[in-house]
C-alpha atoms as a PDB file:
ATOM      1  CA  MET A   1     100.649  49.644-296.519  1.00  0.00           C
ATOM      2  CA  ALA A   2     101.694  51.571-293.435  1.00  0.00           C
ATOM      3  CA  VAL A   3      99.667  51.483-290.245  1.00  0.00           C
ATOM      4  CA  PHE A   4     100.956  53.438-287.266  1.00  0.00           C
ATOM      5  CA  ASN A   5      99.457  52.413-283.950  1.00  0.00           C
ATOM      6  CA  SER A   6     101.201  55.145-281.963  1.00  0.00           C
ATOM      7  CA  PHE A   7     103.524  58.118-282.263  1.00  0.00           C
ATOM      8  CA  ASP A   8     106.301  55.830-281.046  1.00  0.00           C
ATOM      9  CA  ASP A   9     105.849  53.978-284.361  1.00  0.00           C
ATOM     10  CA  ILE A  10     106.149  57.279-286.262  1.00  0.00           C
ATOM     11  CA  ILE A  11     109.315  58.215-284.365  1.00  0.00           C
ATOM     12  CA  ALA A  12     110.836  54.799-285.042  1.00  0.00           C
ATOM     13  CA  LYS A  13     110.061  55.032-288.773  1.00  0.00           C
ATOM     14  CA  ALA A  14     111.460  58.573-288.972  1.00  0.00           C
ATOM     15  CA  ARG A  15     114.654  57.355-287.291  1.00  0.00           C
ATOM     16  CA  GLU A  16     114.871  54.495-289.782  1.00  0.00           C
ATOM     17  CA  HIS A  17     114.727  56.934-292.712  1.00  0.00           C
ATOM     18  CA  GLY A  18     117.434  59.181-291.275  1.00  0.00           C
ATOM     19  CA  LYS A  19     117.628  62.760-290.011  1.00  0.00           C
ATOM     20  CA  ARG A  20     116.080  65.667-291.888  1.00  0.00           C
ATOM     21  CA  ARG A  21     117.321  69.243-291.545  1.00  0.00           C
ATOM     22  CA  LEU A  22     114.822  71.275-289.546  1.00  0.00           C
ATOM     23  CA  ALA A  23     114.809  75.085-289.693  1.00  0.00           C
ATOM     24  CA  LEU A  24     113.618  76.449-286.331  1.00  0.00           C
ATOM     25  CA  VAL A  25     112.465  80.063-286.553  1.00  0.00           C
ATOM     26  CA  GLN A  26     113.167  82.230-283.475  1.00  0.00           C
ATOM     27  CA  ALA A  27     114.339  79.175-281.551  1.00  0.00           C
ATOM     28  CA  THR A  28     114.266  80.634-278.039  1.00  0.00           C
ATOM     29  CA  SER A  29     111.110  78.908-276.762  1.00  0.00           C
ATOM     30  CA  PRO A  30     111.827  76.559-273.816  1.00  0.00           C
ATOM     31  CA  LEU A  31     108.981  74.259-274.965  1.00  0.00           C
ATOM     32  CA  LEU A  32     110.528  74.076-278.414  1.00  0.00           C
ATOM     33  CA  LEU A  33     114.033  73.454-277.090  1.00  0.00           C
ATOM     34  CA  THR A  34     112.803  70.722-274.730  1.00  0.00           C
ATOM     35  CA  ALA A  35     111.102  68.977-277.663  1.00  0.00           C
ATOM     36  CA  LEU A  36     114.252  69.445-279.735  1.00  0.00           C
ATOM     37  CA  LYS A  37     116.258  67.729-277.019  1.00  0.00           C
ATOM     38  CA  ASP A  38     113.972  64.690-277.301  1.00  0.00           C
ATOM     39  CA  ALA A  39     114.120  64.800-281.109  1.00  0.00           C
ATOM     40  CA  LEU A  40     117.922  64.864-281.073  1.00  0.00           C
ATOM     41  CA  GLU A  41     117.983  61.919-278.683  1.00  0.00           C
ATOM     42  CA  ALA A  42     115.555  60.089-280.992  1.00  0.00           C
ATOM     43  CA  GLY A  43     117.825  60.785-283.974  1.00  0.00           C
ATOM     44  CA  ILE A  44     115.139  62.227-286.266  1.00  0.00           C
ATOM     45  CA  VAL A  45     116.249  65.807-287.014  1.00  0.00           C
ATOM     46  CA  GLU A  46     119.337  67.884-287.657  1.00  0.00           C
ATOM     47  CA  PRO A  47     118.373  71.377-286.486  1.00  0.00           C
ATOM     48  CA  VAL A  48     119.297  74.782-287.854  1.00  0.00           C
ATOM     49  CA  LEU A  49     118.348  77.242-285.120  1.00  0.00           C
ATOM     50  CA  ILE A  50     117.559  80.829-286.129  1.00  0.00           C
ATOM     51  CA  GLY A  51     117.585  83.593-283.520  1.00  0.00           C
ATOM     52  CA  PRO A  52     119.816  85.373-280.985  1.00  0.00           C
ATOM     53  CA  LYS A  53     122.649  82.920-280.448  1.00  0.00           C
ATOM     54  CA  GLU A  54     123.490  83.855-276.867  1.00  0.00           C
ATOM     55  CA  GLU A  55     119.865  83.542-275.713  1.00  0.00           C
ATOM     56  CA  ILE A  56     119.414  80.224-277.519  1.00  0.00           C
ATOM     57  CA  THR A  57     122.563  78.702-276.039  1.00  0.00           C
ATOM     58  CA  GLU A  58     121.780  80.054-272.545  1.00  0.00           C
ATOM     59  CA  LYS A  59     118.289  78.528-272.543  1.00  0.00           C
ATOM     60  CA  ALA A  60     119.588  75.286-274.020  1.00  0.00           C
ATOM     61  CA  HIS A  61     122.211  75.067-271.262  1.00  0.00           C
ATOM     62  CA  GLY A  62     119.480  75.511-268.636  1.00  0.00           C
ATOM     63  CA  LEU A  63     117.654  72.544-270.162  1.00  0.00           C
ATOM     64  CA  ASN A  64     120.811  70.391-270.366  1.00  0.00           C
ATOM     65  CA  LEU A  65     120.517  70.502-274.138  1.00  0.00           C
ATOM     66  CA  ASP A  66     123.857  70.085-275.887  1.00  0.00           C
ATOM     67  CA  LEU A  67     123.847  72.136-279.099  1.00  0.00           C
ATOM     68  CA  SER A  68     127.463  71.440-279.988  1.00  0.00           C
ATOM     69  CA  GLY A  69     127.520  70.387-283.600  1.00  0.00           C
ATOM     70  CA  CYS A  70     124.190  72.110-284.286  1.00  0.00           C
ATOM     71  CA  GLU A  71     124.110  75.091-286.626  1.00  0.00           C
ATOM     72  CA  ILE A  72     122.884  78.355-285.114  1.00  0.00           C
ATOM     73  CA  ILE A  73     122.212  81.312-287.406  1.00  0.00           C
ATOM     74  CA  HIS A  74     122.620  84.375-285.231  1.00  0.00           C
ATOM     75  CA  HIS A  75     119.722  86.728-285.878  1.00  0.00           C
ATOM     76  CA  THR A  76     118.560  89.694-283.802  1.00  0.00           C
ATOM     77  CA  GLY A  77     116.348  91.325-286.412  1.00  0.00           C
ATOM     78  CA  SER A  78     112.623  91.117-286.981  1.00  0.00           C
ATOM     79  CA  ASP A  79     110.462  88.023-286.938  1.00  0.00           C
ATOM     80  CA  GLU A  80     109.690  88.578-290.619  1.00  0.00           C
ATOM     81  CA  GLU A  81     113.407  88.490-291.432  1.00  0.00           C
ATOM     82  CA  ALA A  82     113.835  85.326-289.350  1.00  0.00           C
ATOM     83  CA  VAL A  83     111.101  83.578-291.359  1.00  0.00           C
ATOM     84  CA  ALA A  84     112.747  84.773-294.584  1.00  0.00           C
ATOM     85  CA  LEU A  85     116.008  83.142-293.464  1.00  0.00           C
ATOM     86  CA  ALA A  86     114.199  79.821-292.957  1.00  0.00           C
ATOM     87  CA  VAL A  87     112.535  80.101-296.371  1.00  0.00           C
ATOM     88  CA  LYS A  88     115.919  80.744-297.962  1.00  0.00           C
ATOM     89  CA  LEU A  89     117.343  77.642-296.303  1.00  0.00           C
ATOM     90  CA  VAL A  90     114.518  75.594-297.836  1.00  0.00           C
ATOM     91  CA  ASN A  91     114.915  77.082-301.295  1.00  0.00           C
ATOM     92  CA  ASP A  92     118.686  76.558-301.146  1.00  0.00           C
ATOM     93  CA  GLY A  93     118.162  72.897-300.263  1.00  0.00           C
ATOM     94  CA  GLN A  94     119.568  73.409-296.766  1.00  0.00           C
ATOM     95  CA  ALA A  95     116.381  72.562-294.840  1.00  0.00           C
ATOM     96  CA  HIS A  96     113.784  69.828-295.336  1.00  0.00           C
ATOM     97  CA  LEU A  97     111.110  71.205-292.991  1.00  0.00           C
ATOM     98  CA  VAL A  98     110.266  74.371-291.065  1.00  0.00           C
ATOM     99  CA  MET A  99     108.964  74.952-287.550  1.00  0.00           C
ATOM    100  CA  LYS A 100     108.062  78.097-285.656  1.00  0.00           C
ATOM    101  CA  GLY A 101     109.396  79.077-282.276  1.00  0.00           C
ATOM    102  CA  GLN A 102     108.887  82.327-280.375  1.00  0.00           C
ATOM    103  CA  LEU A 103     106.849  84.369-282.864  1.00  0.00           C
ATOM    104  CA  LYS A 104     103.229  84.955-283.829  1.00  0.00           C
ATOM    105  CA  THR A 105     101.578  82.335-286.006  1.00  0.00           C
ATOM    106  CA  ALA A 106     100.247  85.003-288.379  1.00  0.00           C
ATOM    107  CA  THR A 107     103.767  86.347-288.984  1.00  0.00           C
ATOM    108  CA  TYR A 108     105.090  82.837-289.543  1.00  0.00           C
ATOM    109  CA  LEU A 109     102.356  81.934-292.012  1.00  0.00           C
ATOM    110  CA  ARG A 110     102.606  85.200-293.942  1.00  0.00           C
ATOM    111  CA  GLY A 111     106.291  84.532-294.465  1.00  0.00           C
ATOM    112  CA  VAL A 112     106.159  80.871-295.462  1.00  0.00           C
ATOM    113  CA  LEU A 113     103.029  81.172-297.622  1.00  0.00           C
ATOM    114  CA  SER A 114     103.684  84.498-299.351  1.00  0.00           C
ATOM    115  CA  GLY A 115     103.723  84.477-303.121  1.00  0.00           C
ATOM    116  CA  SER A 116     107.434  85.226-303.124  1.00  0.00           C
ATOM    117  CA  SER A 117     108.440  82.393-300.765  1.00  0.00           C
ATOM    118  CA  GLY A 118     108.094  79.647-303.355  1.00  0.00           C
ATOM    119  CA  LEU A 119     106.874  77.183-300.707  1.00  0.00           C
ATOM    120  CA  LYS A 120     103.230  76.936-301.777  1.00  0.00           C
ATOM    121  CA  VAL A 121     102.958  74.272-304.480  1.00  0.00           C
ATOM    122  CA  ALA A 122      99.357  72.968-304.257  1.00  0.00           C
ATOM    123  CA  SER A 123      96.353  75.022-305.344  1.00  0.00           C
ATOM    124  CA  ARG A 124      95.283  75.191-301.677  1.00  0.00           C
ATOM    125  CA  VAL A 125      97.395  74.900-298.541  1.00  0.00           C
ATOM    126  CA  THR A 126      95.567  73.045-295.768  1.00  0.00           C
ATOM    127  CA  HIS A 127      96.171  71.691-292.279  1.00  0.00           C
ATOM    128  CA  VAL A 128      96.207  68.100-291.065  1.00  0.00           C
ATOM    129  CA  ALA A 129      96.310  67.031-287.417  1.00  0.00           C
ATOM    130  CA  ILE A 130      97.483  63.491-286.703  1.00  0.00           C
ATOM    131  CA  THR A 131      96.003  62.135-283.477  1.00  0.00           C
ATOM    132  CA  GLN A 132      96.406  59.193-281.141  1.00  0.00           C
ATOM    133  CA  ALA A 133      93.095  58.627-279.356  1.00  0.00           C
ATOM    134  CA  PRO A 134      93.062  56.554-276.148  1.00  0.00           C
ATOM    135  CA  ASN A 135      90.263  54.258-277.388  1.00  0.00           C
ATOM    136  CA  TYR A 136      91.173  53.963-281.071  1.00  0.00           C
ATOM    137  CA  HIS A 137      93.521  51.279-282.353  1.00  0.00           C
ATOM    138  CA  LYS A 138      95.751  53.429-284.569  1.00  0.00           C
ATOM    139  CA  LEU A 139      96.717  56.974-285.460  1.00  0.00           C
ATOM    140  CA  PHE A 140      94.415  58.907-287.762  1.00  0.00           C
ATOM    141  CA  GLY A 141      94.348  62.307-289.418  1.00  0.00           C
ATOM    142  CA  HIS A 142      91.819  65.159-289.130  1.00  0.00           C
ATOM    143  CA  THR A 143      91.509  67.898-291.744  1.00  0.00           C
ATOM    144  CA  ASP A 144      91.088  70.877-292.043  1.00  0.00           C
ATOM    145  CA  GLY A 145      91.146  72.311-288.535  1.00  0.00           C
ATOM    146  CA  GLY A 146      93.591  75.154-288.996  1.00  0.00           C
ATOM    147  CA  VAL A 147      93.380  77.045-292.301  1.00  0.00           C
ATOM    148  CA  VAL A 148      90.123  76.991-294.309  1.00  0.00           C
ATOM    149  CA  ARG A 149      87.414  78.574-292.182  1.00  0.00           C
ATOM    150  CA  HIS A 150      84.323  78.238-294.386  1.00  0.00           C
ATOM    151  CA  PRO A 151      85.187  75.704-297.092  1.00  0.00           C
ATOM    152  CA  SER A 152      83.343  75.699-300.381  1.00  0.00           C
ATOM    153  CA  PHE A 153      82.820  72.426-302.228  1.00  0.00           C
ATOM    154  CA  GLU A 154      85.971  73.147-304.244  1.00  0.00           C
ATOM    155  CA  ASP A 155      87.890  73.797-301.002  1.00  0.00           C
ATOM    156  CA  LYS A 156      86.668  70.477-299.582  1.00  0.00           C
ATOM    157  CA  VAL A 157      87.931  68.685-302.682  1.00  0.00           C
ATOM    158  CA  GLU A 158      91.403  70.191-302.199  1.00  0.00           C
ATOM    159  CA  ILE A 159      91.315  69.488-298.452  1.00  0.00           C
ATOM    160  CA  THR A 160      90.558  65.855-299.282  1.00  0.00           C
ATOM    161  CA  ARG A 161      93.221  65.686-301.991  1.00  0.00           C
ATOM    162  CA  ASN A 162      95.897  67.174-299.727  1.00  0.00           C
ATOM    163  CA  GLY A 163      94.974  64.886-296.829  1.00  0.00           C
ATOM    164  CA  ILE A 164      95.187  61.794-299.018  1.00  0.00           C
ATOM    165  CA  THR A 165      98.524  62.939-300.431  1.00  0.00           C
ATOM    166  CA  LEU A 166      99.865  63.407-296.907  1.00  0.00           C
ATOM    167  CA  MET A 167      98.781  59.896-295.920  1.00  0.00           C
ATOM    168  CA  ARG A 168     100.629  58.519-298.941  1.00  0.00           C
ATOM    169  CA  MET A 169     103.737  60.479-297.910  1.00  0.00           C
ATOM    170  CA  LEU A 170     103.478  58.688-294.559  1.00  0.00           C
ATOM    171  CA  GLY A 171     103.413  55.339-296.371  1.00  0.00           C
ATOM    172  CA  TYR A 172      99.694  54.583-296.734  1.00  0.00           C
ATOM    173  CA  ASP A 173      99.297  53.171-300.248  1.00  0.00           C
ATOM    174  CA  VAL A 174      95.478  52.994-300.054  1.00  0.00           C
ATOM    175  CA  PRO A 175      94.318  55.272-297.226  1.00  0.00           C
ATOM    176  CA  LYS A 176      90.873  54.780-295.697  1.00  0.00           C
ATOM    177  CA  VAL A 177      89.024  58.092-295.734  1.00  0.00           C
ATOM    178  CA  GLY A 178      85.759  59.082-294.048  1.00  0.00           C
ATOM    179  CA  LEU A 179      83.727  62.230-294.806  1.00  0.00           C
ATOM    180  CA  LEU A 180      82.270  63.472-291.501  1.00  0.00           C
ATOM    181  CA  ALA A 181      78.683  64.699-291.293  1.00  0.00           C
ATOM    182  CA  TYR A 182      75.823  64.831-288.784  1.00  0.00           C
ATOM    183  CA  SER A 183      73.833  62.312-290.851  1.00  0.00           C
ATOM    184  CA  GLU A 184      74.535  59.404-293.176  1.00  0.00           C
ATOM    185  CA  VAL A 185      71.649  60.457-295.442  1.00  0.00           C
ATOM    186  CA  ALA A 186      72.801  62.766-298.243  1.00  0.00           C
ATOM    187  CA  ARG A 187      70.315  65.458-299.212  1.00  0.00           C
ATOM    188  CA  GLU A 188      70.760  67.698-302.234  1.00  0.00           C
ATOM    189  CA  ASP A 189      69.493  70.735-300.312  1.00  0.00           C
ATOM    190  CA  ASP A 190      72.064  70.162-297.543  1.00  0.00           C
ATOM    191  CA  PRO A 191      75.639  71.127-298.555  1.00  0.00           C
ATOM    192  CA  GLU A 192      77.284  69.240-295.672  1.00  0.00           C
ATOM    193  CA  THR A 193      75.960  65.807-296.575  1.00  0.00           C
ATOM    194  CA  TRP A 194      75.649  66.398-300.327  1.00  0.00           C
ATOM    195  CA  ASP A 195      79.246  67.649-300.651  1.00  0.00           C
ATOM    196  CA  ALA A 196      80.429  64.545-298.810  1.00  0.00           C
ATOM    197  CA  LYS A 197      78.477  62.308-301.208  1.00  0.00           C
ATOM    198  CA  ARG A 198      79.941  64.085-304.257  1.00  0.00           C
ATOM    199  CA  ILE A 199      83.501  63.802-302.952  1.00  0.00           C
ATOM    200  CA  VAL A 200      83.018  60.092-302.256  1.00  0.00           C
ATOM    201  CA  GLU A 201      81.798  59.675-305.850  1.00  0.00           C
ATOM    202  CA  MET A 202      84.956  61.434-307.062  1.00  0.00           C
ATOM    203  CA  GLY A 203      87.081  59.098-304.968  1.00  0.00           C
ATOM    204  CA  GLU A 204      85.269  56.021-306.237  1.00  0.00           C
ATOM    205  CA  ALA A 205      85.846  57.279-309.799  1.00  0.00           C
ATOM    206  CA  GLY A 206      89.603  57.347-309.164  1.00  0.00           C
ATOM    207  CA  GLU A 207      90.099  61.124-308.970  1.00  0.00           C
ATOM    208  CA  PHE A 208      92.208  60.823-305.791  1.00  0.00           C
ATOM    209  CA  GLY A 209      94.146  57.728-306.830  1.00  0.00           C
ATOM    210  CA  PRO A 210      93.979  54.454-304.882  1.00  0.00           C
ATOM    211  CA  VAL A 211      91.736  55.107-301.873  1.00  0.00           C
ATOM    212  CA  GLN A 212      88.909  53.580-299.868  1.00  0.00           C
ATOM    213  CA  ILE A 213      86.433  56.343-299.162  1.00  0.00           C
ATOM    214  CA  ALA A 214      83.014  56.617-297.554  1.00  0.00           C
ATOM    215  CA  GLY A 215      80.551  59.294-296.499  1.00  0.00           C
ATOM    216  CA  PRO A 216      78.668  61.084-295.269  1.00  0.00           C
ATOM    217  CA  LEU A 217      79.439  59.302-292.003  1.00  0.00           C
ATOM    218  CA  GLY A 218      78.938  59.981-288.323  1.00  0.00           C
ATOM    219  CA  TYR A 219      82.005  60.171-286.087  1.00  0.00           C
ATOM    220  CA  ASP A 220      81.044  56.928-284.340  1.00  0.00           C
ATOM    221  CA  MET A 221      80.803  54.958-287.564  1.00  0.00           C
ATOM    222  CA  MET A 222      84.305  55.990-288.607  1.00  0.00           C
ATOM    223  CA  LEU A 223      85.963  55.101-285.313  1.00  0.00           C
ATOM    224  CA  ASP A 224      83.842  52.390-283.718  1.00  0.00           C
ATOM    225  CA  LYS A 225      83.131  49.133-285.570  1.00  0.00           C
ATOM    226  CA  PRO A 226      80.284  48.016-283.246  1.00  0.00           C
ATOM    227  CA  SER A 227      78.458  51.301-283.926  1.00  0.00           C
ATOM    228  CA  ALA A 228      78.860  50.775-287.665  1.00  0.00           C
ATOM    229  CA  ASP A 229      77.606  47.199-287.326  1.00  0.00           C
ATOM    230  CA  ILE A 230      74.514  48.283-285.389  1.00  0.00           C
ATOM    231  CA  LYS A 231      73.687  50.778-288.144  1.00  0.00           C
ATOM    232  CA  GLY A 232      74.280  48.145-290.831  1.00  0.00           C
ATOM    233  CA  PHE A 233      77.244  49.945-292.405  1.00  0.00           C
ATOM    234  CA  GLU A 234      79.545  47.441-294.104  1.00  0.00           C
ATOM    235  CA  HIS A 235      82.622  49.049-295.625  1.00  0.00           C
ATOM    236  CA  PRO A 236      86.430  48.865-295.195  1.00  0.00           C
ATOM    237  CA  CYS A 237      86.223  52.308-293.536  1.00  0.00           C
ATOM    238  CA  ALA A 238      83.759  51.142-290.869  1.00  0.00           C
ATOM    239  CA  GLY A 239      85.492  51.700-287.536  1.00  0.00           C
ATOM    240  CA  ASP A 240      88.885  51.796-289.269  1.00  0.00           C
ATOM    241  CA  ILE A 241      89.544  55.160-290.956  1.00  0.00           C
ATOM    242  CA  ASP A 242      93.019  56.613-291.484  1.00  0.00           C
ATOM    243  CA  LEU A 243      91.804  60.103-292.358  1.00  0.00           C
ATOM    244  CA  MET A 244      88.717  62.113-291.416  1.00  0.00           C
ATOM    245  CA  ILE A 245      87.560  64.970-293.650  1.00  0.00           C
ATOM    246  CA  ALA A 246      85.527  67.401-291.544  1.00  0.00           C
ATOM    247  CA  PRO A 247      82.795  69.635-293.012  1.00  0.00           C
ATOM    248  CA  ASP A 248      84.273  72.773-291.438  1.00  0.00           C
ATOM    249  CA  ILE A 249      87.113  74.086-289.312  1.00  0.00           C
ATOM    250  CA  THR A 250      85.128  74.049-286.044  1.00  0.00           C
ATOM    251  CA  ALA A 251      84.137  70.394-286.304  1.00  0.00           C
ATOM    252  CA  CYS A 252      87.700  69.401-287.094  1.00  0.00           C
ATOM    253  CA  ASN A 253      89.330  71.568-284.457  1.00  0.00           C
ATOM    254  CA  ALA A 254      86.875  70.499-281.758  1.00  0.00           C
ATOM    255  CA  SER A 255      87.244  66.776-282.470  1.00  0.00           C
ATOM    256  CA  THR A 256      91.031  67.027-282.455  1.00  0.00           C
ATOM    257  CA  LYS A 257      91.132  68.959-279.178  1.00  0.00           C
ATOM    258  CA  ALA A 258      88.594  66.612-277.562  1.00  0.00           C
ATOM    259  CA  ILE A 259      91.022  63.746-278.159  1.00  0.00           C
ATOM    260  CA  TYR A 260      93.977  65.784-276.922  1.00  0.00           C
ATOM    261  CA  LEU A 261      92.172  66.969-273.775  1.00  0.00           C
ATOM    262  CA  ASN A 262      91.095  63.424-272.912  1.00  0.00           C
ATOM    263  CA  GLY A 263      94.559  61.918-272.723  1.00  0.00           C
ATOM    264  CA  GLY A 264      95.358  61.585-276.418  1.00  0.00           C
ATOM    265  CA  GLN A 265      98.303  62.906-278.387  1.00  0.00           C
ATOM    266  CA  ALA A 266      98.544  65.021-281.515  1.00  0.00           C
ATOM    267  CA  ALA A 267     100.767  66.536-284.190  1.00  0.00           C
ATOM    268  CA  GLY A 268     100.013  69.264-286.728  1.00  0.00           C
ATOM    269  CA  VAL A 269     101.360  70.169-290.164  1.00  0.00           C
ATOM    270  CA  LEU A 270     100.485  72.308-293.167  1.00  0.00           C
ATOM    271  CA  VAL A 271     100.309  70.402-296.438  1.00  0.00           C
ATOM    272  CA  GLY A 272     100.410  71.470-300.068  1.00  0.00           C
ATOM    273  CA  THR A 273     103.806  73.044-299.499  1.00  0.00           C
ATOM    274  CA  LYS A 274     107.261  72.344-300.935  1.00  0.00           C
ATOM    275  CA  VAL A 275     108.388  71.005-297.567  1.00  0.00           C
ATOM    276  CA  PRO A 276     106.392  70.270-294.403  1.00  0.00           C
ATOM    277  CA  VAL A 277     105.515  73.456-292.532  1.00  0.00           C
ATOM    278  CA  LEU A 278     104.983  72.383-288.946  1.00  0.00           C
ATOM    279  CA  MET A 279     101.982  74.102-287.388  1.00  0.00           C
ATOM    280  CA  LEU A 280     101.337  74.187-283.651  1.00  0.00           C
ATOM    281  CA  SER A 281      99.457  76.117-281.019  1.00  0.00           C
ATOM    282  CA  ARG A 282     101.469  78.127-278.476  1.00  0.00           C
ATOM    283  CA  SER A 283      99.957  75.954-275.718  1.00  0.00           C
ATOM    284  CA  ASP A 284     101.023  72.640-277.256  1.00  0.00           C
ATOM    285  CA  SER A 285     103.155  70.409-275.033  1.00  0.00           C
ATOM    286  CA  GLU A 286     106.717  69.247-275.607  1.00  0.00           C
ATOM    287  CA  LYS A 287     105.343  65.830-276.591  1.00  0.00           C
ATOM    288  CA  THR A 288     103.080  67.348-279.243  1.00  0.00           C
ATOM    289  CA  ARG A 289     106.067  69.264-280.598  1.00  0.00           C
ATOM    290  CA  LEU A 290     108.182  66.094-280.676  1.00  0.00           C
ATOM    291  CA  ASN A 291     105.371  64.197-282.404  1.00  0.00           C
ATOM    292  CA  THR A 292     105.094  66.982-284.963  1.00  0.00           C
ATOM    293  CA  MET A 293     108.827  66.926-285.679  1.00  0.00           C
ATOM    294  CA  ALA A 294     108.607  63.167-286.239  1.00  0.00           C
ATOM    295  CA  VAL A 295     105.581  63.423-288.549  1.00  0.00           C
ATOM    296  CA  GLY A 296     107.229  66.282-290.438  1.00  0.00           C
ATOM    297  CA  SER A 297     110.467  64.335-290.826  1.00  0.00           C
ATOM    298  CA  LEU A 298     108.579  61.367-292.238  1.00  0.00           C
ATOM    299  CA  ILE A 299     106.580  63.548-294.639  1.00  0.00           C
ATOM    300  CA  ALA A 300     109.822  65.224-295.758  1.00  0.00           C
ATOM    301  CA  HIS A 301     111.220  61.799-296.594  1.00  0.00           C
ATOM    302  CA  GLY A 302     108.044  60.985-298.552  1.00  0.00           C
ATOM    303  CA  ILE A 303     108.260  64.234-300.526  1.00  0.00           C
ATOM    304  CA  GLU A 304     111.884  63.516-301.406  1.00  0.00           C
ATOM    305  CA  ALA A 305     111.123  59.926-302.363  1.00  0.00           C
ATOM    306  CA  GLN A 306     108.336  61.031-304.723  1.00  0.00           C
ATOM    307  CA  GLY A 307     110.270  63.932-306.205  1.00  0.00           C
ATOM    308  CA  GLY A 308     108.091  66.649-304.697  1.00  0.00           C
ATOM    309  CA  TRP A 309     104.578  67.250-303.409  1.00  0.00           C
ATOM    310  CA  LYS A 310     102.231  65.484-305.857  1.00  0.00           C
END
């Protein structure tokens, strides 16, 4: 059962599994190219850069990035057409993951998740952030902080299912999952805590496969064993979760950014797709982009090993 204590562990494992072909859409962003330089040095991706060739090579030269041997698809058309080129590479088996460069997130997502793209394979596409918190002993995932704004109970079930599947793609045979809530007492008239209780019951009944799952739980009980001990919570997930399921997008997004803004690290990816669709904010650092390439490469290997997203 995999346990990654840092993103360095993820990068090392991705290197061990070999390079995956990464389609970079509108690859003129200096932040993206700087991260790509690190990824090439780490030996985790084989890039296919889509965009104006002269501008890409000029910016790469300014960053001392050697693109000799890298494929560049010269494209000066629209952003929508650039995304369509990346989708075609995936569907032709020429790319194992996709990442956006200098274009709007909405345009990127419309292209990769359209009904005609063929990339959406789960009933619900969701977002998982992998984080490295300064005071936590290993990496853990947060979901969903990027796609489902007001999740219904059915949405939360699919968010949980996708998150668990992603953890298995990363090598976690029996992931430890916590359902976040403001209280550990489940009340039938309170959807936040009651939904968490119902999802835990589904997990305990085997509906998500091998998993250790608990909730509703406070944030402290999932990440801090002494807090769990004080509250008398004895469970394998106490202070040791691999994946946190948030009750809504705000709670997930805020907890992820709190870690990032306090010296932690992060990576972000859409799941429920044919290949990993790497999902980042425009303000994300080169290190976050490198981390995301490494996580995506490892997930791509997991998808291939299991014969598709399952």
